[in-house]
């Protein structure tokens, strides 16, 4: 399974609800990740551009996209960004494979 970085910002209405009723959202996130065949590795509230940072594994890109769509469709998020992660070994393999690429830059 591939690893993904999920970065989420809450909509104002969701922030208002969490301030009125403080709650740990990790279990809710774990439930939706697992419902798509994934595994939650890390969940952090964050400061800055994103309110939450998640590391999760999914069987494929479709499953990762389904989580983004399912959670975004609720209207409780203002931003959802997904980044596919590679292990160091995969990064090195990509570097080696890049040597064989036959790309011609614009002239």
N, C-alpha and C. Protein backbone atom coordinates (compact mmCIF):
# COMPACT_ATOMS: atom_id res chain seq x y z
N UNK A 1 0.84 -1.18 0.00
CA UNK A 1 0.00 0.00 0.00
C UNK A 1 0.88 1.25 0.00
N UNK A 2 0.42 2.25 -0.68
CA UNK A 2 1.16 3.51 -0.76
C UNK A 2 0.82 4.42 0.42
N UNK A 3 1.77 5.26 0.78
CA UNK A 3 1.59 6.23 1.86
C UNK A 3 1.20 7.59 1.27
N UNK A 4 0.38 8.31 2.03
CA UNK A 4 -0.13 9.61 1.59
C UNK A 4 -0.04 10.61 2.74
N UNK A 5 0.24 11.86 2.39
CA UNK A 5 0.16 12.98 3.30
C UNK A 5 -1.15 13.70 2.99
N UNK A 6 -2.02 13.82 3.98
CA UNK A 6 -3.28 14.52 3.81
C UNK A 6 -3.21 15.78 4.67
N UNK A 7 -3.47 16.92 4.05
CA UNK A 7 -3.45 18.20 4.76
C UNK A 7 -4.83 18.82 4.63
N UNK A 8 -5.42 19.17 5.77
CA UNK A 8 -6.82 19.57 5.82
C UNK A 8 -6.98 20.89 6.56
N UNK A 9 -7.85 21.74 6.03
CA UNK A 9 -8.27 22.96 6.73
C UNK A 9 -9.78 22.85 6.96
N UNK A 10 -10.19 23.19 8.18
CA UNK A 10 -11.61 23.16 8.51
C UNK A 10 -12.31 24.42 8.03
N UNK A 11 -13.58 24.26 7.67
CA UNK A 11 -14.43 25.40 7.36
C UNK A 11 -14.75 26.12 8.67
N UNK A 12 -15.13 27.39 8.57
CA UNK A 12 -15.43 28.19 9.76
C UNK A 12 -16.50 27.52 10.63
N UNK A 13 -17.49 26.92 10.00
CA UNK A 13 -18.57 26.27 10.77
C UNK A 13 -18.05 25.09 11.59
N UNK A 14 -17.09 24.36 11.05
CA UNK A 14 -16.51 23.23 11.79
C UNK A 14 -15.65 23.72 12.95
N UNK A 15 -14.90 24.79 12.73
CA UNK A 15 -14.09 25.37 13.81
C UNK A 15 -15.01 25.85 14.93
N UNK A 16 -16.09 26.51 14.57
CA UNK A 16 -17.05 27.00 15.56
C UNK A 16 -17.62 25.83 16.37
N UNK A 17 -17.96 24.74 15.71
CA UNK A 17 -18.51 23.55 16.39
C UNK A 17 -17.48 22.93 17.34
N UNK A 18 -16.21 22.89 16.93
CA UNK A 18 -15.18 22.29 17.78
C UNK A 18 -14.83 23.18 18.96
N UNK A 19 -14.93 24.48 18.81
CA UNK A 19 -14.70 25.38 19.94
C UNK A 19 -15.86 25.23 20.94
N UNK A 20 -17.07 25.13 20.44
CA UNK A 20 -18.24 24.96 21.31
C UNK A 20 -18.24 23.59 21.98
N UNK A 21 -17.71 22.58 21.28
CA UNK A 21 -17.70 21.21 21.78
C UNK A 21 -16.35 20.58 21.44
N UNK A 22 -15.29 20.87 22.22
CA UNK A 22 -13.96 20.35 21.91
C UNK A 22 -13.96 18.83 21.74
N UNK A 23 -13.25 18.38 20.70
CA UNK A 23 -13.25 16.96 20.38
C UNK A 23 -12.00 16.54 19.64
N UNK A 24 -11.60 15.32 19.90
CA UNK A 24 -10.48 14.71 19.20
C UNK A 24 -11.03 14.07 17.93
N UNK A 25 -10.63 14.53 16.76
CA UNK A 25 -11.17 14.05 15.49
C UNK A 25 -10.43 12.83 14.96
N UNK A 26 -9.42 12.35 15.67
CA UNK A 26 -8.62 11.22 15.19
C UNK A 26 -9.46 9.97 14.94
N UNK A 27 -10.38 9.64 15.84
CA UNK A 27 -11.19 8.44 15.65
C UNK A 27 -12.09 8.55 14.42
N UNK A 28 -12.64 9.73 14.18
CA UNK A 28 -13.48 9.93 12.99
C UNK A 28 -12.65 9.77 11.72
N UNK A 29 -11.42 10.29 11.75
CA UNK A 29 -10.53 10.15 10.59
C UNK A 29 -10.14 8.69 10.39
N UNK A 30 -9.79 8.02 11.49
CA UNK A 30 -9.42 6.59 11.40
C UNK A 30 -10.56 5.79 10.77
N UNK A 31 -11.79 6.08 11.18
CA UNK A 31 -12.95 5.34 10.67
C UNK A 31 -13.09 5.49 9.16
N UNK A 32 -12.99 6.72 8.65
CA UNK A 32 -13.15 6.92 7.21
C UNK A 32 -11.98 6.34 6.43
N UNK A 33 -10.76 6.45 6.97
CA UNK A 33 -9.58 5.87 6.31
C UNK A 33 -9.74 4.35 6.21
N UNK A 34 -10.11 3.73 7.32
CA UNK A 34 -10.27 2.26 7.34
C UNK A 34 -11.43 1.80 6.47
N UNK A 35 -12.47 2.63 6.34
CA UNK A 35 -13.61 2.26 5.50
C UNK A 35 -13.22 2.17 4.02
N UNK A 36 -12.10 2.79 3.66
CA UNK A 36 -11.60 2.74 2.28
C UNK A 36 -10.43 1.78 2.15
N UNK A 37 -10.24 0.93 3.15
CA UNK A 37 -9.18 -0.07 3.08
C UNK A 37 -7.83 0.45 3.50
N UNK A 38 -7.79 1.63 4.12
CA UNK A 38 -6.53 2.25 4.50
C UNK A 38 -6.16 2.01 5.95
N UNK A 39 -5.03 2.60 6.32
CA UNK A 39 -4.53 2.51 7.69
C UNK A 39 -4.02 3.89 8.09
N UNK A 40 -4.50 4.41 9.23
CA UNK A 40 -4.06 5.70 9.73
C UNK A 40 -2.76 5.52 10.51
N UNK A 41 -1.72 6.25 10.14
CA UNK A 41 -0.43 6.17 10.83
C UNK A 41 -0.21 7.33 11.79
N UNK A 42 -0.68 8.52 11.41
CA UNK A 42 -0.47 9.69 12.27
C UNK A 42 -1.57 10.71 12.01
N UNK A 43 -1.97 11.39 13.08
CA UNK A 43 -2.96 12.45 13.02
C UNK A 43 -2.49 13.56 13.93
N UNK A 44 -2.34 14.76 13.39
CA UNK A 44 -1.89 15.90 14.18
C UNK A 44 -2.74 17.12 13.87
N UNK A 45 -3.17 17.84 14.92
CA UNK A 45 -3.66 19.18 14.71
C UNK A 45 -2.43 20.04 14.43
N UNK A 46 -2.58 21.09 13.63
CA UNK A 46 -1.43 21.87 13.21
C UNK A 46 -1.74 23.36 13.22
N UNK A 47 -0.70 24.15 13.29
CA UNK A 47 -0.80 25.60 13.17
C UNK A 47 -0.33 25.97 11.77
N UNK A 48 -0.89 27.01 11.21
CA UNK A 48 -0.45 27.45 9.89
C UNK A 48 -1.54 27.30 8.86
N UNK A 49 -1.14 27.04 7.64
CA UNK A 49 -2.08 26.97 6.53
C UNK A 49 -3.11 25.85 6.70
N UNK A 50 -2.70 24.74 7.30
CA UNK A 50 -3.58 23.60 7.48
C UNK A 50 -3.86 23.37 8.96
N UNK A 51 -5.06 22.90 9.26
CA UNK A 51 -5.47 22.64 10.64
C UNK A 51 -5.12 21.23 11.09
N UNK A 52 -5.02 20.31 10.15
CA UNK A 52 -4.75 18.91 10.45
C UNK A 52 -3.78 18.35 9.42
N UNK A 53 -2.86 17.52 9.90
CA UNK A 53 -1.92 16.80 9.03
C UNK A 53 -2.05 15.32 9.35
N UNK A 54 -2.19 14.51 8.31
CA UNK A 54 -2.43 13.07 8.47
C UNK A 54 -1.45 12.30 7.59
N UNK A 55 -0.94 11.21 8.12
CA UNK A 55 -0.18 10.24 7.31
C UNK A 55 -1.01 8.96 7.31
N UNK A 56 -1.32 8.48 6.12
CA UNK A 56 -2.15 7.27 6.00
C UNK A 56 -1.65 6.42 4.84
N UNK A 57 -2.00 5.15 4.89
CA UNK A 57 -1.74 4.22 3.79
C UNK A 57 -3.07 3.90 3.13
N UNK A 58 -3.06 3.78 1.82
CA UNK A 58 -4.25 3.36 1.07
C UNK A 58 -3.83 2.34 0.03
N UNK A 59 -4.76 1.45 -0.35
CA UNK A 59 -4.42 0.44 -1.36
C UNK A 59 -4.16 1.02 -2.74
N UNK A 60 -4.72 2.23 -3.01
CA UNK A 60 -4.55 2.84 -4.33
C UNK A 60 -4.99 4.29 -4.29
N UNK A 61 -4.72 4.99 -5.38
CA UNK A 61 -5.08 6.41 -5.47
C UNK A 61 -6.59 6.63 -5.41
N UNK A 62 -7.36 5.69 -5.95
CA UNK A 62 -8.82 5.82 -5.95
C UNK A 62 -9.33 5.86 -4.52
N UNK A 63 -8.80 5.00 -3.65
CA UNK A 63 -9.22 4.97 -2.25
C UNK A 63 -8.84 6.26 -1.53
N UNK A 64 -7.65 6.76 -1.79
CA UNK A 64 -7.22 8.03 -1.18
C UNK A 64 -8.12 9.17 -1.66
N UNK A 65 -8.43 9.19 -2.94
CA UNK A 65 -9.31 10.23 -3.48
C UNK A 65 -10.72 10.12 -2.90
N UNK A 66 -11.18 8.90 -2.68
CA UNK A 66 -12.52 8.69 -2.11
C UNK A 66 -12.62 9.28 -0.71
N UNK A 67 -11.56 9.17 0.08
CA UNK A 67 -11.56 9.79 1.41
C UNK A 67 -11.65 11.30 1.28
N UNK A 68 -10.88 11.87 0.38
CA UNK A 68 -10.92 13.32 0.17
C UNK A 68 -12.32 13.76 -0.26
N UNK A 69 -12.92 13.02 -1.15
CA UNK A 69 -14.26 13.38 -1.63
C UNK A 69 -15.32 13.20 -0.54
N UNK A 70 -15.26 12.09 0.18
CA UNK A 70 -16.26 11.81 1.22
C UNK A 70 -16.22 12.86 2.33
N UNK A 71 -15.03 13.24 2.74
CA UNK A 71 -14.93 14.22 3.82
C UNK A 71 -15.22 15.64 3.31
N UNK A 72 -14.76 15.96 2.14
CA UNK A 72 -15.01 17.30 1.59
C UNK A 72 -16.48 17.52 1.29
N UNK A 73 -17.19 16.46 0.91
CA UNK A 73 -18.61 16.58 0.57
C UNK A 73 -19.47 16.98 1.76
N UNK A 74 -18.95 16.83 2.98
CA UNK A 74 -19.72 17.21 4.17
C UNK A 74 -19.81 18.72 4.34
N UNK A 75 -18.93 19.46 3.68
CA UNK A 75 -18.92 20.91 3.81
C UNK A 75 -18.16 21.40 5.03
N UNK A 76 -17.59 20.48 5.82
CA UNK A 76 -16.88 20.87 7.04
C UNK A 76 -15.42 21.24 6.79
N UNK A 77 -14.96 21.07 5.56
CA UNK A 77 -13.57 21.38 5.22
C UNK A 77 -13.52 22.51 4.21
N UNK A 78 -12.53 23.37 4.35
CA UNK A 78 -12.34 24.43 3.36
C UNK A 78 -11.23 24.09 2.38
N UNK A 79 -10.36 23.13 2.76
CA UNK A 79 -9.24 22.76 1.91
C UNK A 79 -8.81 21.34 2.24
N UNK A 80 -8.49 20.56 1.22
CA UNK A 80 -8.01 19.19 1.39
C UNK A 80 -6.95 18.94 0.33
N UNK A 81 -5.74 18.69 0.76
CA UNK A 81 -4.64 18.45 -0.17
C UNK A 81 -4.06 17.07 0.09
N UNK A 82 -3.85 16.31 -0.98
CA UNK A 82 -3.30 14.96 -0.88
C UNK A 82 -1.97 14.89 -1.61
N UNK A 83 -0.97 14.33 -0.96
CA UNK A 83 0.35 14.15 -1.57
C UNK A 83 0.75 12.68 -1.45
N UNK A 84 1.09 12.07 -2.57
CA UNK A 84 1.59 10.69 -2.54
C UNK A 84 3.03 10.73 -2.02
N UNK A 85 3.33 9.86 -1.07
CA UNK A 85 4.67 9.80 -0.49
C UNK A 85 5.42 8.59 -1.03
N UNK A 86 6.73 8.72 -1.11
CA UNK A 86 7.58 7.60 -1.53
C UNK A 86 8.59 7.30 -0.43
N UNK A 87 8.92 6.04 -0.30
CA UNK A 87 9.97 5.65 0.62
C UNK A 87 11.31 6.11 0.03
N UNK A 88 12.37 6.18 0.84
CA UNK A 88 13.68 6.52 0.28
C UNK A 88 14.08 5.57 -0.85
N UNK A 89 13.78 4.28 -0.71
CA UNK A 89 14.12 3.32 -1.76
C UNK A 89 13.38 3.63 -3.06
N UNK A 90 12.12 4.02 -2.94
CA UNK A 90 11.35 4.39 -4.14
C UNK A 90 11.91 5.65 -4.77
N UNK A 91 12.35 6.60 -3.96
CA UNK A 91 12.96 7.82 -4.48
C UNK A 91 14.22 7.52 -5.27
N UNK A 92 15.08 6.65 -4.72
CA UNK A 92 16.31 6.27 -5.41
C UNK A 92 15.99 5.53 -6.70
N UNK A 93 14.98 4.66 -6.65
CA UNK A 93 14.57 3.93 -7.86
C UNK A 93 14.10 4.92 -8.93
N UNK A 94 13.36 5.94 -8.54
CA UNK A 94 12.90 6.96 -9.49
C UNK A 94 14.08 7.71 -10.09
N UNK A 95 15.10 8.02 -9.25
CA UNK A 95 16.29 8.70 -9.76
C UNK A 95 17.02 7.85 -10.79
N UNK A 96 17.12 6.56 -10.50
CA UNK A 96 17.79 5.66 -11.45
C UNK A 96 17.00 5.56 -12.75
N UNK A 97 15.69 5.44 -12.61
CA UNK A 97 14.84 5.31 -13.79
C UNK A 97 14.87 6.59 -14.62
N UNK A 98 15.02 7.74 -13.97
CA UNK A 98 15.05 9.02 -14.68
C UNK A 98 16.22 9.09 -15.66
N UNK A 99 17.30 8.38 -15.36
CA UNK A 99 18.45 8.37 -16.26
C UNK A 99 18.09 7.82 -17.63
N UNK A 100 17.07 6.96 -17.68
CA UNK A 100 16.70 6.32 -18.95
C UNK A 100 15.60 7.08 -19.68
N UNK A 101 15.11 8.16 -19.07
CA UNK A 101 14.05 8.94 -19.69
C UNK A 101 14.52 9.61 -20.97
N UNK A 102 13.67 9.70 -21.94
CA UNK A 102 14.02 10.28 -23.23
C UNK A 102 13.22 11.54 -23.47
N UNK A 103 13.34 12.52 -22.60
CA UNK A 103 12.61 13.76 -22.74
C UNK A 103 13.43 14.78 -23.51
N UNK A 104 12.81 15.44 -24.48
CA UNK A 104 13.47 16.50 -25.24
C UNK A 104 12.91 17.83 -24.78
N UNK A 105 13.75 18.69 -24.17
CA UNK A 105 13.25 19.99 -23.71
C UNK A 105 12.89 20.90 -24.89
N UNK A 106 12.06 21.89 -24.64
CA UNK A 106 11.70 22.82 -25.73
C UNK A 106 12.95 23.50 -26.28
N UNK A 107 12.95 23.73 -27.57
CA UNK A 107 14.10 24.38 -28.22
C UNK A 107 13.89 25.85 -28.35
